[in-house]
Amino acid sequence: MISCLMKKRLTAPHCECDCGGTTKGGRFLPGHDAKLKKYLVGLALSGKKRAANKLEQLGWTKHLAVAKQKRR
């Protein structure tokens, strides 16, 4: 039981942008959240529902709303 808990703590989390990198405990490597936001917003603005859903899942819907306002 203790060794199982130790392994979980020693395993670094993977960057959520799917770059394959490992973080030091956060969700993203430095700058990778911004790259992913830009990519997803671009896809969502072009009509890709999956990208809009991912933005919502990550709590980034405000970034899509701001981008839509800038396009007007």
C-alpha atoms as a PDB file:
ATOM      1  CA  MET A   1       0.000   0.000   0.000  1.00  0.00           C
ATOM      2  CA  ILE A   2       2.713   2.493   0.918  1.00  0.00           C
ATOM      3  CA  SER A   3       4.780   1.679  -2.167  1.00  0.00           C
ATOM      4  CA  CYS A   4       1.720   2.323  -4.342  1.00  0.00           C
ATOM      5  CA  LEU A   5       1.276   5.767  -2.784  1.00  0.00           C
ATOM      6  CA  MET A   6       4.968   6.531  -3.208  1.00  0.00           C
ATOM      7  CA  LYS A   7       4.827   5.683  -6.922  1.00  0.00           C
ATOM      8  CA  LYS A   8       1.893   8.035  -7.435  1.00  0.00           C
ATOM      9  CA  ARG A   9       3.755  10.893  -5.785  1.00  0.00           C
ATOM     10  CA  LEU A  10       6.964  10.244  -7.708  1.00  0.00           C
ATOM     11  CA  THR A  11       5.270  10.129 -11.104  1.00  0.00           C
ATOM     12  CA  ALA A  12       5.237  13.574 -12.684  1.00  0.00           C
ATOM     13  CA  PRO A  13       2.006  14.580 -14.444  1.00  0.00           C
ATOM     14  CA  HIS A  14       1.978  14.930 -18.205  1.00  0.00           C
ATOM     15  CA  CYS A  15       1.410  18.273 -19.874  1.00  0.00           C
ATOM     16  CA  GLU A  16      -2.252  18.579 -20.856  1.00  0.00           C
ATOM     17  CA  CYS A  17      -1.413  19.981 -24.299  1.00  0.00           C
ATOM     18  CA  ASP A  18      -0.391  16.459 -25.382  1.00  0.00           C
ATOM     19  CA  CYS A  19       3.192  17.446 -26.176  1.00  0.00           C
ATOM     20  CA  GLY A  20       4.425  14.450 -24.212  1.00  0.00           C
ATOM     21  CA  GLY A  21       6.339  16.528 -21.687  1.00  0.00           C
ATOM     22  CA  THR A  22       6.121  16.101 -17.951  1.00  0.00           C
ATOM     23  CA  THR A  23       5.422  18.945 -15.575  1.00  0.00           C
ATOM     24  CA  LYS A  24       6.685  19.580 -12.079  1.00  0.00           C
ATOM     25  CA  GLY A  25       3.178  19.237 -10.689  1.00  0.00           C
ATOM     26  CA  GLY A  26       1.156  21.697 -12.742  1.00  0.00           C
ATOM     27  CA  ARG A  27      -1.200  21.062 -15.625  1.00  0.00           C
ATOM     28  CA  PHE A  28       1.057  22.521 -18.342  1.00  0.00           C
ATOM     29  CA  LEU A  29       4.675  23.233 -19.108  1.00  0.00           C
ATOM     30  CA  PRO A  30       5.421  26.982 -19.226  1.00  0.00           C
ATOM     31  CA  GLY A  31       3.701  28.588 -22.227  1.00  0.00           C
ATOM     32  CA  HIS A  32       1.938  25.417 -23.339  1.00  0.00           C
ATOM     33  CA  ASP A  33      -1.425  26.550 -21.970  1.00  0.00           C
ATOM     34  CA  ALA A  34      -1.261  29.670 -24.155  1.00  0.00           C
ATOM     35  CA  LYS A  35      -0.375  27.622 -27.237  1.00  0.00           C
ATOM     36  CA  LEU A  36      -3.267  25.260 -26.619  1.00  0.00           C
ATOM     37  CA  LYS A  37      -5.699  28.154 -26.011  1.00  0.00           C
ATOM     38  CA  LYS A  38      -4.705  29.831 -29.273  1.00  0.00           C
ATOM     39  CA  TYR A  39      -5.023  26.583 -31.215  1.00  0.00           C
ATOM     40  CA  LEU A  40      -8.412  25.665 -29.728  1.00  0.00           C
ATOM     41  CA  VAL A  41      -9.846  29.169 -30.142  1.00  0.00           C
ATOM     42  CA  GLY A  42      -8.797  29.171 -33.797  1.00  0.00           C
ATOM     43  CA  LEU A  43     -10.480  25.838 -34.399  1.00  0.00           C
ATOM     44  CA  ALA A  44     -13.604  26.876 -32.517  1.00  0.00           C
ATOM     45  CA  LEU A  45     -13.873  30.098 -34.528  1.00  0.00           C
ATOM     46  CA  SER A  46     -13.751  28.039 -37.719  1.00  0.00           C
ATOM     47  CA  GLY A  47     -16.750  26.037 -36.502  1.00  0.00           C
ATOM     48  CA  LYS A  48     -15.154  22.991 -34.872  1.00  0.00           C
ATOM     49  CA  LYS A  49     -17.507  21.935 -32.065  1.00  0.00           C
ATOM     50  CA  ARG A  50     -14.967  19.591 -30.441  1.00  0.00           C
ATOM     51  CA  ALA A  51     -12.571  22.507 -29.937  1.00  0.00           C
ATOM     52  CA  ALA A  52     -15.330  24.616 -28.390  1.00  0.00           C
ATOM     53  CA  ASN A  53     -16.223  21.715 -26.109  1.00  0.00           C
ATOM     54  CA  LYS A  54     -12.584  21.327 -25.047  1.00  0.00           C
ATOM     55  CA  LEU A  55     -12.391  25.049 -24.245  1.00  0.00           C
ATOM     56  CA  GLU A  56     -15.473  24.662 -22.078  1.00  0.00           C
ATOM     57  CA  GLN A  57     -14.027  21.570 -20.413  1.00  0.00           C
ATOM     58  CA  LEU A  58     -10.848  23.453 -19.531  1.00  0.00           C
ATOM     59  CA  GLY A  59     -12.766  26.504 -18.283  1.00  0.00           C
ATOM     60  CA  TRP A  60     -11.528  28.739 -21.102  1.00  0.00           C
ATOM     61  CA  THR A  61     -14.816  29.810 -22.718  1.00  0.00           C
ATOM     62  CA  LYS A  62     -14.077  33.465 -21.939  1.00  0.00           C
ATOM     63  CA  HIS A  63     -11.130  33.326 -24.370  1.00  0.00           C
ATOM     64  CA  LEU A  64     -13.447  32.226 -27.171  1.00  0.00           C
ATOM     65  CA  ALA A  65     -15.907  35.003 -26.324  1.00  0.00           C
ATOM     66  CA  VAL A  66     -13.125  37.617 -26.420  1.00  0.00           C
ATOM     67  CA  ALA A  67     -11.893  36.303 -29.771  1.00  0.00           C
ATOM     68  CA  LYS A  68     -15.419  36.483 -31.196  1.00  0.00           C
ATOM     69  CA  GLN A  69     -15.724  40.105 -30.033  1.00  0.00           C
ATOM     70  CA  LYS A  70     -12.435  41.008 -31.729  1.00  0.00           C
ATOM     71  CA  ARG A  71     -13.624  39.535 -35.023  1.00  0.00           C
ATOM     72  CA  ARG A  72     -16.575  41.953 -35.275  1.00  0.00           C
END
